[in-house]
Amino acid sequence: DIILPPAFQAAEPTNLFHRLLQDPAAH
């Protein structure tokens, strides 16, 4: 019942913790 724009549905999931992958100190 939650209709999203096609671009949202087709998008790759976005990693909100991407900075932790790149920065060991941040992790």
mmCIF file of all heavy atoms, coordinates in Angstrom:
data_MODEL
# 
_entry.id   MODEL 
# 
loop_
_atom_site.group_PDB 
_atom_site.id 
_atom_site.type_symbol 
_atom_site.label_atom_id 
_atom_site.label_alt_id 
_atom_site.label_comp_id 
_atom_site.label_asym_id 
_atom_site.label_entity_id 
_atom_site.label_seq_id 
_atom_site.pdbx_PDB_ins_code 
_atom_site.Cartn_x 
_atom_site.Cartn_y 
_atom_site.Cartn_z 
_atom_site.occupancy 
_atom_site.B_iso_or_equiv 
_atom_site.pdbx_formal_charge 
_atom_site.auth_seq_id 
_atom_site.auth_comp_id 
_atom_site.auth_asym_id 
_atom_site.auth_atom_id 
_atom_site.pdbx_PDB_model_num 
ATOM 1   N N   . ASP A 1 1  ? 0.800  -1.218 0.000   1.00 0.00 ? 1  ASP A N   1 
ATOM 2   C CA  . ASP A 1 1  ? 0.000  0.000  0.000   1.00 0.00 ? 1  ASP A CA  1 
ATOM 3   C C   . ASP A 1 1  ? 0.842  1.282  0.000   1.00 0.00 ? 1  ASP A C   1 
ATOM 4   O O   . ASP A 1 1  ? 0.307  2.373  -0.061  1.00 0.00 ? 1  ASP A O   1 
ATOM 5   C CB  . ASP A 1 1  ? -0.978 0.011  1.180   1.00 0.00 ? 1  ASP A CB  1 
ATOM 6   C CG  . ASP A 1 1  ? -0.298 -0.132 2.527   1.00 0.00 ? 1  ASP A CG  1 
ATOM 7   O OD1 . ASP A 1 1  ? 0.767  -0.771 2.602   1.00 0.00 ? 1  ASP A OD1 1 
ATOM 8   O OD2 . ASP A 1 1  ? -0.840 0.386  3.522   1.00 0.00 ? 1  ASP A OD2 1 
ATOM 9   N N   . ILE A 1 2  ? 2.143  1.137  0.037   1.00 0.00 ? 2  ILE A N   1 
ATOM 10  C CA  . ILE A 1 2  ? 3.024  2.308  -0.034  1.00 0.00 ? 2  ILE A CA  1 
ATOM 11  C C   . ILE A 1 2  ? 3.626  2.339  -1.433  1.00 0.00 ? 2  ILE A C   1 
ATOM 12  O O   . ILE A 1 2  ? 4.466  1.520  -1.791  1.00 0.00 ? 2  ILE A O   1 
ATOM 13  C CB  . ILE A 1 2  ? 4.114  2.255  1.053   1.00 0.00 ? 2  ILE A CB  1 
ATOM 14  C CG1 . ILE A 1 2  ? 3.443  2.287  2.418   1.00 0.00 ? 2  ILE A CG1 1 
ATOM 15  C CG2 . ILE A 1 2  ? 5.092  3.412  0.880   1.00 0.00 ? 2  ILE A CG2 1 
ATOM 16  C CD1 . ILE A 1 2  ? 4.369  2.197  3.581   1.00 0.00 ? 2  ILE A CD1 1 
ATOM 17  N N   . ILE A 1 3  ? 3.145  3.262  -2.209  1.00 0.00 ? 3  ILE A N   1 
ATOM 18  C CA  . ILE A 1 3  ? 3.557  3.393  -3.602  1.00 0.00 ? 3  ILE A CA  1 
ATOM 19  C C   . ILE A 1 3  ? 4.700  4.402  -3.689  1.00 0.00 ? 3  ILE A C   1 
ATOM 20  O O   . ILE A 1 3  ? 4.581  5.541  -3.245  1.00 0.00 ? 3  ILE A O   1 
ATOM 21  C CB  . ILE A 1 3  ? 2.383  3.881  -4.492  1.00 0.00 ? 3  ILE A CB  1 
ATOM 22  C CG1 . ILE A 1 3  ? 1.134  3.022  -4.265  1.00 0.00 ? 3  ILE A CG1 1 
ATOM 23  C CG2 . ILE A 1 3  ? 2.798  3.905  -5.959  1.00 0.00 ? 3  ILE A CG2 1 
ATOM 24  C CD1 . ILE A 1 3  ? 1.304  1.558  -4.575  1.00 0.00 ? 3  ILE A CD1 1 
ATOM 25  N N   . LEU A 1 4  ? 5.800  3.948  -4.237  1.00 0.00 ? 4  LEU A N   1 
ATOM 26  C CA  . LEU A 1 4  ? 6.970  4.804  -4.402  1.00 0.00 ? 4  LEU A CA  1 
ATOM 27  C C   . LEU A 1 4  ? 7.197  5.095  -5.879  1.00 0.00 ? 4  LEU A C   1 
ATOM 28  O O   . LEU A 1 4  ? 6.797  4.304  -6.737  1.00 0.00 ? 4  LEU A O   1 
ATOM 29  C CB  . LEU A 1 4  ? 8.205  4.105  -3.845  1.00 0.00 ? 4  LEU A CB  1 
ATOM 30  C CG  . LEU A 1 4  ? 8.199  3.832  -2.346  1.00 0.00 ? 4  LEU A CG  1 
ATOM 31  C CD1 . LEU A 1 4  ? 9.382  2.958  -1.968  1.00 0.00 ? 4  LEU A CD1 1 
ATOM 32  C CD2 . LEU A 1 4  ? 8.230  5.131  -1.569  1.00 0.00 ? 4  LEU A CD2 1 
ATOM 33  N N   . PRO A 1 5  ? 7.854  6.208  -6.180  1.00 0.00 ? 5  PRO A N   1 
ATOM 34  C CA  . PRO A 1 5  ? 8.196  6.480  -7.581  1.00 0.00 ? 5  PRO A CA  1 
ATOM 35  C C   . PRO A 1 5  ? 9.041  5.333  -8.139  1.00 0.00 ? 5  PRO A C   1 
ATOM 36  O O   . PRO A 1 5  ? 9.816  4.708  -7.400  1.00 0.00 ? 5  PRO A O   1 
ATOM 37  C CB  . PRO A 1 5  ? 9.018  7.776  -7.504  1.00 0.00 ? 5  PRO A CB  1 
ATOM 38  C CG  . PRO A 1 5  ? 8.653  8.400  -6.208  1.00 0.00 ? 5  PRO A CG  1 
ATOM 39  C CD  . PRO A 1 5  ? 8.319  7.273  -5.282  1.00 0.00 ? 5  PRO A CD  1 
ATOM 40  N N   . PRO A 1 6  ? 8.910  5.043  -9.425  1.00 0.00 ? 6  PRO A N   1 
ATOM 41  C CA  . PRO A 1 6  ? 9.677  3.944  -10.032 1.00 0.00 ? 6  PRO A CA  1 
ATOM 42  C C   . PRO A 1 6  ? 11.185 4.044  -9.776  1.00 0.00 ? 6  PRO A C   1 
ATOM 43  O O   . PRO A 1 6  ? 11.838 3.025  -9.579  1.00 0.00 ? 6  PRO A O   1 
ATOM 44  C CB  . PRO A 1 6  ? 9.362  4.068  -11.520 1.00 0.00 ? 6  PRO A CB  1 
ATOM 45  C CG  . PRO A 1 6  ? 8.039  4.748  -11.577 1.00 0.00 ? 6  PRO A CG  1 
ATOM 46  C CD  . PRO A 1 6  ? 8.009  5.677  -10.391 1.00 0.00 ? 6  PRO A CD  1 
ATOM 47  N N   . ALA A 1 7  ? 11.724 5.259  -9.755  1.00 0.00 ? 7  ALA A N   1 
ATOM 48  C CA  . ALA A 1 7  ? 13.167 5.418  -9.518  1.00 0.00 ? 7  ALA A CA  1 
ATOM 49  C C   . ALA A 1 7  ? 13.545 4.922  -8.121  1.00 0.00 ? 7  ALA A C   1 
ATOM 50  O O   . ALA A 1 7  ? 14.621 4.365  -7.928  1.00 0.00 ? 7  ALA A O   1 
ATOM 51  C CB  . ALA A 1 7  ? 13.569 6.873  -9.688  1.00 0.00 ? 7  ALA A CB  1 
ATOM 52  N N   . PHE A 1 8  ? 12.665 5.104  -7.139  1.00 0.00 ? 8  PHE A N   1 
ATOM 53  C CA  . PHE A 1 8  ? 12.933 4.622  -5.783  1.00 0.00 ? 8  PHE A CA  1 
ATOM 54  C C   . PHE A 1 8  ? 12.883 3.101  -5.749  1.00 0.00 ? 8  PHE A C   1 
ATOM 55  O O   . PHE A 1 8  ? 13.688 2.460  -5.091  1.00 0.00 ? 8  PHE A O   1 
ATOM 56  C CB  . PHE A 1 8  ? 11.897 5.166  -4.792  1.00 0.00 ? 8  PHE A CB  1 
ATOM 57  C CG  . PHE A 1 8  ? 12.146 6.581  -4.345  1.00 0.00 ? 8  PHE A CG  1 
ATOM 58  C CD1 . PHE A 1 8  ? 12.639 7.547  -5.202  1.00 0.00 ? 8  PHE A CD1 1 
ATOM 59  C CD2 . PHE A 1 8  ? 11.875 6.951  -3.043  1.00 0.00 ? 8  PHE A CD2 1 
ATOM 60  C CE1 . PHE A 1 8  ? 12.862 8.839  -4.791  1.00 0.00 ? 8  PHE A CE1 1 
ATOM 61  C CE2 . PHE A 1 8  ? 12.091 8.244  -2.610  1.00 0.00 ? 8  PHE A CE2 1 
ATOM 62  C CZ  . PHE A 1 8  ? 12.581 9.191  -3.481  1.00 0.00 ? 8  PHE A CZ  1 
ATOM 63  N N   . GLN A 1 9  ? 11.909 2.531  -6.447  1.00 0.00 ? 9  GLN A N   1 
ATOM 64  C CA  . GLN A 1 9  ? 11.738 1.078  -6.450  1.00 0.00 ? 9  GLN A CA  1 
ATOM 65  C C   . GLN A 1 9  ? 12.908 0.383  -7.138  1.00 0.00 ? 9  GLN A C   1 
ATOM 66  O O   . GLN A 1 9  ? 13.353 -0.674 -6.696  1.00 0.00 ? 9  GLN A O   1 
ATOM 67  C CB  . GLN A 1 9  ? 10.434 0.709  -7.159  1.00 0.00 ? 9  GLN A CB  1 
ATOM 68  C CG  . GLN A 1 9  ? 9.206  1.187  -6.434  1.00 0.00 ? 9  GLN A CG  1 
ATOM 69  C CD  . GLN A 1 9  ? 7.938  0.992  -7.260  1.00 0.00 ? 9  GLN A CD  1 
ATOM 70  O OE1 . GLN A 1 9  ? 7.973  0.467  -8.365  1.00 0.00 ? 9  GLN A OE1 1 
ATOM 71  N NE2 . GLN A 1 9  ? 6.817  1.431  -6.720  1.00 0.00 ? 9  GLN A NE2 1 
ATOM 72  N N   . ALA A 1 10 ? 13.401 0.972  -8.211  1.00 0.00 ? 10 ALA A N   1 
ATOM 73  C CA  . ALA A 1 10 ? 14.456 0.345  -9.006  1.00 0.00 ? 10 ALA A CA  1 
ATOM 74  C C   . ALA A 1 10 ? 15.862 0.637  -8.485  1.00 0.00 ? 10 ALA A C   1 
ATOM 75  O O   . ALA A 1 10 ? 16.826 0.004  -8.912  1.00 0.00 ? 10 ALA A O   1 
ATOM 76  C CB  . ALA A 1 10 ? 14.345 0.813  -10.460 1.00 0.00 ? 10 ALA A CB  1 
ATOM 77  N N   . ALA A 1 11 ? 15.969 1.557  -7.556  1.00 0.00 ? 11 ALA A N   1 
ATOM 78  C CA  . ALA A 1 11 ? 17.289 1.961  -7.059  1.00 0.00 ? 11 ALA A CA  1 
ATOM 79  C C   . ALA A 1 11 ? 17.970 0.832  -6.294  1.00 0.00 ? 11 ALA A C   1 
ATOM 80  O O   . ALA A 1 11 ? 17.308 -0.022 -5.704  1.00 0.00 ? 11 ALA A O   1 
ATOM 81  C CB  . ALA A 1 11 ? 17.148 3.179  -6.153  1.00 0.00 ? 11 ALA A CB  1 
ATOM 82  N N   . GLU A 1 12 ? 19.283 0.854  -6.323  1.00 0.00 ? 12 GLU A N   1 
ATOM 83  C CA  . GLU A 1 12 ? 20.053 -0.042 -5.464  1.00 0.00 ? 12 GLU A CA  1 
ATOM 84  C C   . GLU A 1 12 ? 19.901 0.467  -4.035  1.00 0.00 ? 12 GLU A C   1 
ATOM 85  O O   . GLU A 1 12 ? 19.877 1.680  -3.815  1.00 0.00 ? 12 GLU A O   1 
ATOM 86  C CB  . GLU A 1 12 ? 21.529 -0.023 -5.868  1.00 0.00 ? 12 GLU A CB  1 
ATOM 87  C CG  . GLU A 1 12 ? 21.814 -0.760 -7.153  1.00 0.00 ? 12 GLU A CG  1 
ATOM 88  C CD  . GLU A 1 12 ? 21.567 -2.255 -7.038  1.00 0.00 ? 12 GLU A CD  1 
ATOM 89  O OE1 . GLU A 1 12 ? 21.931 -2.850 -6.011  1.00 0.00 ? 12 GLU A OE1 1 
ATOM 90  O OE2 . GLU A 1 12 ? 20.975 -2.807 -7.976  1.00 0.00 ? 12 GLU A OE2 1 
ATOM 91  N N   . PRO A 1 13 ? 19.808 -0.433 -3.063  1.00 0.00 ? 13 PRO A N   1 
ATOM 92  C CA  . PRO A 1 13 ? 19.728 0.049  -1.673  1.00 0.00 ? 13 PRO A CA  1 
ATOM 93  C C   . PRO A 1 13 ? 20.941 0.915  -1.338  1.00 0.00 ? 13 PRO A C   1 
ATOM 94  O O   . PRO A 1 13 ? 22.066 0.592  -1.707  1.00 0.00 ? 13 PRO A O   1 
ATOM 95  C CB  . PRO A 1 13 ? 19.740 -1.240 -0.850  1.00 0.00 ? 13 PRO A CB  1 
ATOM 96  C CG  . PRO A 1 13 ? 19.269 -2.306 -1.788  1.00 0.00 ? 13 PRO A CG  1 
ATOM 97  C CD  . PRO A 1 13 ? 19.746 -1.882 -3.152  1.00 0.00 ? 13 PRO A CD  1 
ATOM 98  N N   . THR A 1 14 ? 20.688 2.026  -0.694  1.00 0.00 ? 14 THR A N   1 
ATOM 99  C CA  . THR A 1 14 ? 21.740 2.950  -0.308  1.00 0.00 ? 14 THR A CA  1 
ATOM 100 C C   . THR A 1 14 ? 22.213 2.612  1.102   1.00 0.00 ? 14 THR A C   1 
ATOM 101 O O   . THR A 1 14 ? 21.401 2.509  2.017   1.00 0.00 ? 14 THR A O   1 
ATOM 102 C CB  . THR A 1 14 ? 21.210 4.402  -0.339  1.00 0.00 ? 14 THR A CB  1 
ATOM 103 O OG1 . THR A 1 14 ? 20.757 4.685  -1.658  1.00 0.00 ? 14 THR A OG1 1 
ATOM 104 C CG2 . THR A 1 14 ? 22.278 5.391  0.059   1.00 0.00 ? 14 THR A CG2 1 
ATOM 105 N N   . ASN A 1 15 ? 23.515 2.445  1.274   1.00 0.00 ? 15 ASN A N   1 
ATOM 106 C CA  . ASN A 1 15 ? 24.097 2.130  2.568   1.00 0.00 ? 15 ASN A CA  1 
ATOM 107 C C   . ASN A 1 15 ? 24.296 3.423  3.364   1.00 0.00 ? 15 ASN A C   1 
ATOM 108 O O   . ASN A 1 15 ? 25.160 4.231  3.034   1.00 0.00 ? 15 ASN A O   1 
ATOM 109 C CB  . ASN A 1 15 ? 25.432 1.410  2.389   1.00 0.00 ? 15 ASN A CB  1 
ATOM 110 C CG  . ASN A 1 15 ? 26.089 1.053  3.699   1.00 0.00 ? 15 ASN A CG  1 
ATOM 111 O OD1 . ASN A 1 15 ? 25.510 1.206  4.772   1.00 0.00 ? 15 ASN A OD1 1 
ATOM 112 N ND2 . ASN A 1 15 ? 27.314 0.569  3.618   1.00 0.00 ? 15 ASN A ND2 1 
ATOM 113 N N   . LEU A 1 16 ? 23.503 3.601  4.414   1.00 0.00 ? 16 LEU A N   1 
ATOM 114 C CA  . LEU A 1 16 ? 23.618 4.799  5.231   1.00 0.00 ? 16 LEU A CA  1 
ATOM 115 C C   . LEU A 1 16 ? 24.886 4.802  6.091   1.00 0.00 ? 16 LEU A C   1 
ATOM 116 O O   . LEU A 1 16 ? 25.273 5.841  6.607   1.00 0.00 ? 16 LEU A O   1 
ATOM 117 C CB  . LEU A 1 16 ? 22.380 4.939  6.129   1.00 0.00 ? 16 LEU A CB  1 
ATOM 118 C CG  . LEU A 1 16 ? 21.043 5.039  5.394   1.00 0.00 ? 16 LEU A CG  1 
ATOM 119 C CD1 . LEU A 1 16 ? 19.900 5.136  6.384   1.00 0.00 ? 16 LEU A CD1 1 
ATOM 120 C CD2 . LEU A 1 16 ? 21.031 6.203  4.427   1.00 0.00 ? 16 LEU A CD2 1 
ATOM 121 N N   . PHE A 1 17 ? 25.528 3.644  6.219   1.00 0.00 ? 17 PHE A N   1 
ATOM 122 C CA  . PHE A 1 17 ? 26.773 3.541  6.987   1.00 0.00 ? 17 PHE A CA  1 
ATOM 123 C C   . PHE A 1 17 ? 27.999 3.422  6.072   1.00 0.00 ? 17 PHE A C   1 
ATOM 124 O O   . PHE A 1 17 ? 29.027 2.895  6.470   1.00 0.00 ? 17 PHE A O   1 
ATOM 125 C CB  . PHE A 1 17 ? 26.729 2.335  7.928   1.00 0.00 ? 17 PHE A CB  1 
ATOM 126 C CG  . PHE A 1 17 ? 25.880 2.524  9.162   1.00 0.00 ? 17 PHE A CG  1 
ATOM 127 C CD1 . PHE A 1 17 ? 25.646 1.457  10.012  1.00 0.00 ? 17 PHE A CD1 1 
ATOM 128 C CD2 . PHE A 1 17 ? 25.324 3.741  9.496   1.00 0.00 ? 17 PHE A CD2 1 
ATOM 129 C CE1 . PHE A 1 17 ? 24.889 1.610  11.166  1.00 0.00 ? 17 PHE A CE1 1 
ATOM 130 C CE2 . PHE A 1 17 ? 24.559 3.911  10.640  1.00 0.00 ? 17 PHE A CE2 1 
ATOM 131 C CZ  . PHE A 1 17 ? 24.343 2.838  11.476  1.00 0.00 ? 17 PHE A CZ  1 
ATOM 132 N N   . HIS A 1 18 ? 27.912 3.943  4.859   1.00 0.00 ? 18 HIS A N   1 
ATOM 133 C CA  . HIS A 1 18 ? 29.017 3.812  3.900   1.00 0.00 ? 18 HIS A CA  1 
ATOM 134 C C   . HIS A 1 18 ? 30.325 4.406  4.424   1.00 0.00 ? 18 HIS A C   1 
ATOM 135 O O   . HIS A 1 18 ? 31.403 3.910  4.123   1.00 0.00 ? 18 HIS A O   1 
ATOM 136 C CB  . HIS A 1 18 ? 28.644 4.431  2.547   1.00 0.00 ? 18 HIS A CB  1 
ATOM 137 C CG  . HIS A 1 18 ? 28.490 5.919  2.595   1.00 0.00 ? 18 HIS A CG  1 
ATOM 138 N ND1 . HIS A 1 18 ? 27.322 6.514  2.992   1.00 0.00 ? 18 HIS A ND1 1 
ATOM 139 C CD2 . HIS A 1 18 ? 29.363 6.902  2.304   1.00 0.00 ? 18 HIS A CD2 1 
ATOM 140 C CE1 . HIS A 1 18 ? 27.478 7.816  2.942   1.00 0.00 ? 18 HIS A CE1 1 
ATOM 141 N NE2 . HIS A 1 18 ? 28.693 8.087  2.540   1.00 0.00 ? 18 HIS A NE2 1 
ATOM 142 N N   . ARG A 1 19 ? 30.231 5.444  5.248   1.00 0.00 ? 19 ARG A N   1 
ATOM 143 C CA  . ARG A 1 19 ? 31.470 6.058  5.764   1.00 0.00 ? 19 ARG A CA  1 
ATOM 144 C C   . ARG A 1 19 ? 32.237 5.103  6.665   1.00 0.00 ? 19 ARG A C   1 
ATOM 145 O O   . ARG A 1 19 ? 33.458 5.202  6.787   1.00 0.00 ? 19 ARG A O   1 
ATOM 146 C CB  . ARG A 1 19 ? 31.162 7.363  6.476   1.00 0.00 ? 19 ARG A CB  1 
ATOM 147 C CG  . ARG A 1 19 ? 30.514 7.189  7.828   1.00 0.00 ? 19 ARG A CG  1 
ATOM 148 C CD  . ARG A 1 19 ? 30.206 8.510  8.512   1.00 0.00 ? 19 ARG A CD  1 
ATOM 149 N NE  . ARG A 1 19 ? 29.788 8.310  9.875   1.00 0.00 ? 19 ARG A NE  1 
ATOM 150 C CZ  . ARG A 1 19 ? 28.618 7.819  10.261  1.00 0.00 ? 19 ARG A CZ  1 
ATOM 151 N NH1 . ARG A 1 19 ? 27.731 7.455  9.357   1.00 0.00 ? 19 ARG A NH1 1 
ATOM 152 N NH2 . ARG A 1 19 ? 28.321 7.682  11.543  1.00 0.00 ? 19 ARG A NH2 1 
ATOM 153 N N   . LEU A 1 20 ? 31.537 4.148  7.287   1.00 0.00 ? 20 LEU A N   1 
ATOM 154 C CA  . LEU A 1 20 ? 32.207 3.184  8.167   1.00 0.00 ? 20 LEU A CA  1 
ATOM 155 C C   . LEU A 1 20 ? 33.063 2.206  7.369   1.00 0.00 ? 20 LEU A C   1 
ATOM 156 O O   . LEU A 1 20 ? 34.043 1.674  7.886   1.00 0.00 ? 20 LEU A O   1 
ATOM 157 C CB  . LEU A 1 20 ? 31.182 2.412  9.006   1.00 0.00 ? 20 LEU A CB  1 
ATOM 158 C CG  . LEU A 1 20 ? 30.259 3.252  9.894   1.00 0.00 ? 20 LEU A CG  1 
ATOM 159 C CD1 . LEU A 1 20 ? 29.323 2.353  10.682  1.00 0.00 ? 20 LEU A CD1 1 
ATOM 160 C CD2 . LEU A 1 20 ? 31.047 4.177  10.801  1.00 0.00 ? 20 LEU A CD2 1 
ATOM 161 N N   . LEU A 1 21 ? 32.695 1.987  6.113   1.00 0.00 ? 21 LEU A N   1 
ATOM 162 C CA  . LEU A 1 21 ? 33.491 1.122  5.243   1.00 0.00 ? 21 LEU A CA  1 
ATOM 163 C C   . LEU A 1 21 ? 34.829 1.764  4.891   1.00 0.00 ? 21 LEU A C   1 
ATOM 164 O O   . LEU A 1 21 ? 35.839 1.087  4.756   1.00 0.00 ? 21 LEU A O   1 
ATOM 165 C CB  . LEU A 1 21 ? 32.732 0.834  3.942   1.00 0.00 ? 21 LEU A CB  1 
ATOM 166 C CG  . LEU A 1 21 ? 31.559 -0.125 4.027   1.00 0.00 ? 21 LEU A CG  1 
ATOM 167 C CD1 . LEU A 1 21 ? 30.758 -0.085 2.735   1.00 0.00 ? 21 LEU A CD1 1 
ATOM 168 C CD2 . LEU A 1 21 ? 32.041 -1.529 4.324   1.00 0.00 ? 21 LEU A CD2 1 
ATOM 169 N N   . GLN A 1 22 ? 34.805 3.074  4.752   1.00 0.00 ? 22 GLN A N   1 
ATOM 170 C CA  . GLN A 1 22 ? 35.971 3.797  4.268   1.00 0.00 ? 22 GLN A CA  1 
ATOM 171 C C   . GLN A 1 22 ? 36.870 4.325  5.379   1.00 0.00 ? 22 GLN A C   1 
ATOM 172 O O   . GLN A 1 22 ? 38.028 4.661  5.128   1.00 0.00 ? 22 GLN A O   1 
ATOM 173 C CB  . GLN A 1 22 ? 35.508 4.975  3.396   1.00 0.00 ? 22 GLN A CB  1 
ATOM 174 C CG  . GLN A 1 22 ? 34.685 4.519  2.219   1.00 0.00 ? 22 GLN A CG  1 
ATOM 175 C CD  . GLN A 1 22 ? 33.892 5.653  1.596   1.00 0.00 ? 22 GLN A CD  1 
ATOM 176 O OE1 . GLN A 1 22 ? 33.702 6.701  2.191   1.00 0.00 ? 22 GLN A OE1 1 
ATOM 177 N NE2 . GLN A 1 22 ? 33.422 5.426  0.382   1.00 0.00 ? 22 GLN A NE2 1 
ATOM 178 N N   . ASP A 1 23 ? 36.350 4.402  6.598   1.00 0.00 ? 23 ASP A N   1 
ATOM 179 C CA  . ASP A 1 23 ? 37.089 5.051  7.665   1.00 0.00 ? 23 ASP A CA  1 
ATOM 180 C C   . ASP A 1 23 ? 37.108 4.160  8.913   1.00 0.00 ? 23 ASP A C   1 
ATOM 181 O O   . ASP A 1 23 ? 36.150 4.162  9.691   1.00 0.00 ? 23 ASP A O   1 
ATOM 182 C CB  . ASP A 1 23 ? 36.435 6.404  7.970   1.00 0.00 ? 23 ASP A CB  1 
ATOM 183 C CG  . ASP A 1 23 ? 37.195 7.224  8.996   1.00 0.00 ? 23 ASP A CG  1 
ATOM 184 O OD1 . ASP A 1 23 ? 38.144 6.710  9.619   1.00 0.00 ? 23 ASP A OD1 1 
ATOM 185 O OD2 . ASP A 1 23 ? 36.823 8.400  9.175   1.00 0.00 ? 23 ASP A OD2 1 
ATOM 186 N N   . PRO A 1 24 ? 38.195 3.402  9.121   1.00 0.00 ? 24 PRO A N   1 
ATOM 187 C CA  . PRO A 1 24 ? 38.279 2.518  10.295  1.00 0.00 ? 24 PRO A CA  1 
ATOM 188 C C   . PRO A 1 24 ? 38.130 3.258  11.626  1.00 0.00 ? 24 PRO A C   1 
ATOM 189 O O   . PRO A 1 24 ? 37.556 2.724  12.574  1.00 0.00 ? 24 PRO A O   1 
ATOM 190 C CB  . PRO A 1 24 ? 39.669 1.889  10.178  1.00 0.00 ? 24 PRO A CB  1 
ATOM 191 C CG  . PRO A 1 24 ? 40.048 2.038  8.747   1.00 0.00 ? 24 PRO A CG  1 
ATOM 192 C CD  . PRO A 1 24 ? 39.379 3.283  8.263   1.00 0.00 ? 24 PRO A CD  1 
ATOM 193 N N   . ALA A 1 25 ? 38.600 4.481  11.698  1.00 0.00 ? 25 ALA A N   1 
ATOM 194 C CA  . ALA A 1 25 ? 38.465 5.254  12.936  1.00 0.00 ? 25 ALA A CA  1 
ATOM 195 C C   . ALA A 1 25 ? 36.992 5.583  13.213  1.00 0.00 ? 25 ALA A C   1 
ATOM 196 O O   . ALA A 1 25 ? 36.538 5.532  14.362  1.00 0.00 ? 25 ALA A O   1 
ATOM 197 C CB  . ALA A 1 25 ? 39.298 6.526  12.861  1.00 0.00 ? 25 ALA A CB  1 
ATOM 198 N N   . ALA A 1 26 ? 36.256 5.911  12.160  1.00 0.00 ? 26 ALA A N   1 
ATOM 199 C CA  . ALA A 1 26 ? 34.825 6.191  12.313  1.00 0.00 ? 26 ALA A CA  1 
ATOM 200 C C   . ALA A 1 26 ? 34.075 4.930  12.751  1.00 0.00 ? 26 ALA A C   1 
ATOM 201 O O   . ALA A 1 26 ? 33.154 5.001  13.572  1.00 0.00 ? 26 ALA A O   1 
ATOM 202 C CB  . ALA A 1 26 ? 34.243 6.727  11.009  1.00 0.00 ? 26 ALA A CB  1 
ATOM 203 N N   . HIS A 1 27 ? 34.489 3.785  12.208  1.00 0.00 ? 27 HIS A N   1 
ATOM 204 C CA  . HIS A 1 27 ? 33.862 2.518  12.599  1.00 0.00 ? 27 HIS A CA  1 
ATOM 205 C C   . HIS A 1 27 ? 34.144 2.209  14.067  1.00 0.00 ? 27 HIS A C   1 
ATOM 206 O O   . HIS A 1 27 ? 33.232 1.832  14.824  1.00 0.00 ? 27 HIS A O   1 
ATOM 207 C CB  . HIS A 1 27 ? 34.345 1.380  11.696  1.00 0.00 ? 27 HIS A CB  1 
ATOM 208 C CG  . HIS A 1 27 ? 33.686 0.077  11.998  1.00 0.00 ? 27 HIS A CG  1 
ATOM 209 N ND1 . HIS A 1 27 ? 34.397 -1.031 12.405  1.00 0.00 ? 27 HIS A ND1 1 
ATOM 210 C CD2 . HIS A 1 27 ? 32.383 -0.293 11.974  1.00 0.00 ? 27 HIS A CD2 1 
ATOM 211 C CE1 . HIS A 1 27 ? 33.561 -2.019 12.615  1.00 0.00 ? 27 HIS A CE1 1 
ATOM 212 N NE2 . HIS A 1 27 ? 32.326 -1.601 12.356  1.00 0.00 ? 27 HIS A NE2 1 
# 
